[in-house]
Amino acid sequence: MNCELCDREIDSLTLHHLIPKQYSKRKKLNTGPTINICSPCHKQIHALFDNKYLARELNTLSKLQQEPKMQKFLSWVRKQDPKKNVVVRSSK
């Protein structure tokens, strides 16, 4: 399986809600679409952005891929061995 963000082939993917569940439950909204991504990409998304910003600004795969901080991370992570444990750093 390939991560929908970094396109690396990964054995196990995680489900990312494009509108965070926490935000959608409070607003009584449908949780909406999801994408299958690797753990490093998932951790990086949540290290960089809070749920409110994700729900409002980065609520599609395309928007996530085009966000400059994510582009920098994706460019780097694509070069990493998919079997390697990737350390994610917060920059909020």
C-alpha atoms as a PDB file:
ATOM      1  CA  MET A   1       0.000   0.000   0.000  1.00  0.00           C
ATOM      2  CA  ASN A   2       1.190   3.501  -0.741  1.00  0.00           C
ATOM      3  CA  CYS A   3       0.805   6.521   1.503  1.00  0.00           C
ATOM      4  CA  GLU A   4      -1.511   9.006  -0.182  1.00  0.00           C
ATOM      5  CA  LEU A   5       0.725  11.904   0.902  1.00  0.00           C
ATOM      6  CA  CYS A   6       4.331  10.810   0.432  1.00  0.00           C
ATOM      7  CA  ASP A   7       3.582   7.940  -1.971  1.00  0.00           C
ATOM      8  CA  ARG A   8       6.026   5.609  -0.196  1.00  0.00           C
ATOM      9  CA  GLU A   9       5.118   1.943  -0.092  1.00  0.00           C
ATOM     10  CA  ILE A  10       4.333   1.145   3.539  1.00  0.00           C
ATOM     11  CA  ASP A  11       3.145  -2.083   5.179  1.00  0.00           C
ATOM     12  CA  SER A  12       0.720  -0.336   7.519  1.00  0.00           C
ATOM     13  CA  LEU A  13      -1.184   2.891   6.919  1.00  0.00           C
ATOM     14  CA  THR A  14      -3.235   5.030   9.288  1.00  0.00           C
ATOM     15  CA  LEU A  15      -6.556   6.716   8.629  1.00  0.00           C
ATOM     16  CA  HIS A  16      -6.443  10.531   8.673  1.00  0.00           C
ATOM     17  CA  HIS A  17      -9.729  12.412   8.933  1.00  0.00           C
ATOM     18  CA  LEU A  18      -9.494  15.471   6.685  1.00  0.00           C
ATOM     19  CA  ILE A  19     -11.861  17.208   9.095  1.00  0.00           C
ATOM     20  CA  PRO A  20     -10.580  16.170  12.542  1.00  0.00           C
ATOM     21  CA  LYS A  21     -13.052  14.075  14.529  1.00  0.00           C
ATOM     22  CA  GLN A  22     -12.668  16.319  17.580  1.00  0.00           C
ATOM     23  CA  TYR A  23     -13.674  19.381  15.554  1.00  0.00           C
ATOM     24  CA  SER A  24     -16.523  17.691  13.678  1.00  0.00           C
ATOM     25  CA  LYS A  25     -18.068  16.178  16.834  1.00  0.00           C
ATOM     26  CA  ARG A  26     -18.148  19.545  18.595  1.00  0.00           C
ATOM     27  CA  LYS A  27     -19.772  21.192  15.584  1.00  0.00           C
ATOM     28  CA  LYS A  28     -22.004  18.140  15.034  1.00  0.00           C
ATOM     29  CA  LEU A  29     -20.676  17.727  11.501  1.00  0.00           C
ATOM     30  CA  ASN A  30     -20.109  14.585   9.502  1.00  0.00           C
ATOM     31  CA  THR A  31     -16.482  13.478   9.899  1.00  0.00           C
ATOM     32  CA  GLY A  32     -16.214  13.555   6.129  1.00  0.00           C
ATOM     33  CA  PRO A  33     -13.570  12.011   3.902  1.00  0.00           C
ATOM     34  CA  THR A  34     -10.437  10.261   5.067  1.00  0.00           C
ATOM     35  CA  ILE A  35      -7.086   9.424   3.512  1.00  0.00           C
ATOM     36  CA  ASN A  36      -4.721   6.513   4.141  1.00  0.00           C
ATOM     37  CA  ILE A  37      -1.290   7.777   5.136  1.00  0.00           C
ATOM     38  CA  CYS A  38       1.844   6.475   6.806  1.00  0.00           C
ATOM     39  CA  SER A  39       2.497   7.114  10.461  1.00  0.00           C
ATOM     40  CA  PRO A  40       5.308   9.672   9.890  1.00  0.00           C
ATOM     41  CA  CYS A  41       3.079  11.788   7.623  1.00  0.00           C
ATOM     42  CA  HIS A  42       0.207  11.534  10.106  1.00  0.00           C
ATOM     43  CA  LYS A  43       2.423  12.543  13.025  1.00  0.00           C
ATOM     44  CA  GLN A  44       3.897  15.437  11.051  1.00  0.00           C
ATOM     45  CA  ILE A  45       0.468  16.819  10.142  1.00  0.00           C
ATOM     46  CA  HIS A  46      -0.558  16.919  13.802  1.00  0.00           C
ATOM     47  CA  ALA A  47       2.848  18.232  14.916  1.00  0.00           C
ATOM     48  CA  LEU A  48       2.577  21.193  12.538  1.00  0.00           C
ATOM     49  CA  PHE A  49      -1.106  22.140  12.637  1.00  0.00           C
ATOM     50  CA  ASP A  50      -3.892  22.297  15.196  1.00  0.00           C
ATOM     51  CA  ASN A  51      -7.262  20.690  14.520  1.00  0.00           C
ATOM     52  CA  LYS A  52      -9.044  23.984  13.909  1.00  0.00           C
ATOM     53  CA  TYR A  53      -6.568  24.942  11.166  1.00  0.00           C
ATOM     54  CA  LEU A  54      -6.740  21.454   9.653  1.00  0.00           C
ATOM     55  CA  ALA A  55     -10.546  21.591   9.529  1.00  0.00           C
ATOM     56  CA  ARG A  56     -10.654  25.101   8.095  1.00  0.00           C
ATOM     57  CA  GLU A  57      -7.637  25.245   5.760  1.00  0.00           C
ATOM     58  CA  LEU A  58      -6.178  21.780   5.091  1.00  0.00           C
ATOM     59  CA  ASN A  59      -9.303  19.684   4.612  1.00  0.00           C
ATOM     60  CA  THR A  60      -8.372  18.025   1.305  1.00  0.00           C
ATOM     61  CA  LEU A  61      -5.493  15.851   0.168  1.00  0.00           C
ATOM     62  CA  SER A  62      -4.521  18.470  -2.401  1.00  0.00           C
ATOM     63  CA  LYS A  63      -4.387  21.275   0.188  1.00  0.00           C
ATOM     64  CA  LEU A  64      -2.200  19.143   2.463  1.00  0.00           C
ATOM     65  CA  GLN A  65       0.160  18.325  -0.405  1.00  0.00           C
ATOM     66  CA  GLN A  66       0.432  21.990  -1.407  1.00  0.00           C
ATOM     67  CA  GLU A  67       1.012  23.405   2.085  1.00  0.00           C
ATOM     68  CA  PRO A  68       4.645  24.693   2.172  1.00  0.00           C
ATOM     69  CA  LYS A  69       5.598  23.104   5.531  1.00  0.00           C
ATOM     70  CA  MET A  70       4.200  19.764   4.394  1.00  0.00           C
ATOM     71  CA  GLN A  71       5.932  20.054   1.007  1.00  0.00           C
ATOM     72  CA  LYS A  72       9.256  20.463   2.801  1.00  0.00           C
ATOM     73  CA  PHE A  73       8.559  17.409   4.971  1.00  0.00           C
ATOM     74  CA  LEU A  74       7.279  15.328   2.032  1.00  0.00           C
ATOM     75  CA  SER A  75      10.351  16.144  -0.016  1.00  0.00           C
ATOM     76  CA  TRP A  76      12.519  14.876   2.849  1.00  0.00           C
ATOM     77  CA  VAL A  77      10.452  11.837   3.884  1.00  0.00           C
ATOM     78  CA  ARG A  78      10.235  10.494   0.322  1.00  0.00           C
ATOM     79  CA  LYS A  79      13.992   9.924   0.502  1.00  0.00           C
ATOM     80  CA  GLN A  80      13.729   7.915   3.731  1.00  0.00           C
ATOM     81  CA  ASP A  81      13.644   4.145   3.926  1.00  0.00           C
ATOM     82  CA  PRO A  82       9.993   3.147   4.551  1.00  0.00           C
ATOM     83  CA  LYS A  83      11.169   0.597   7.121  1.00  0.00           C
ATOM     84  CA  LYS A  84      13.129   3.241   9.046  1.00  0.00           C
ATOM     85  CA  ASN A  85      11.631   4.886  12.125  1.00  0.00           C
ATOM     86  CA  VAL A  86      11.227   8.569  11.224  1.00  0.00           C
ATOM     87  CA  VAL A  87      11.424  11.197  13.981  1.00  0.00           C
ATOM     88  CA  VAL A  88       8.871  13.985  13.682  1.00  0.00           C
ATOM     89  CA  ARG A  89       9.535  17.424  15.112  1.00  0.00           C
ATOM     90  CA  SER A  90       6.902  19.958  16.058  1.00  0.00           C
ATOM     91  CA  SER A  91       7.131  23.487  14.721  1.00  0.00           C
ATOM     92  CA  LYS A  92       3.838  24.995  15.908  1.00  0.00           C
END
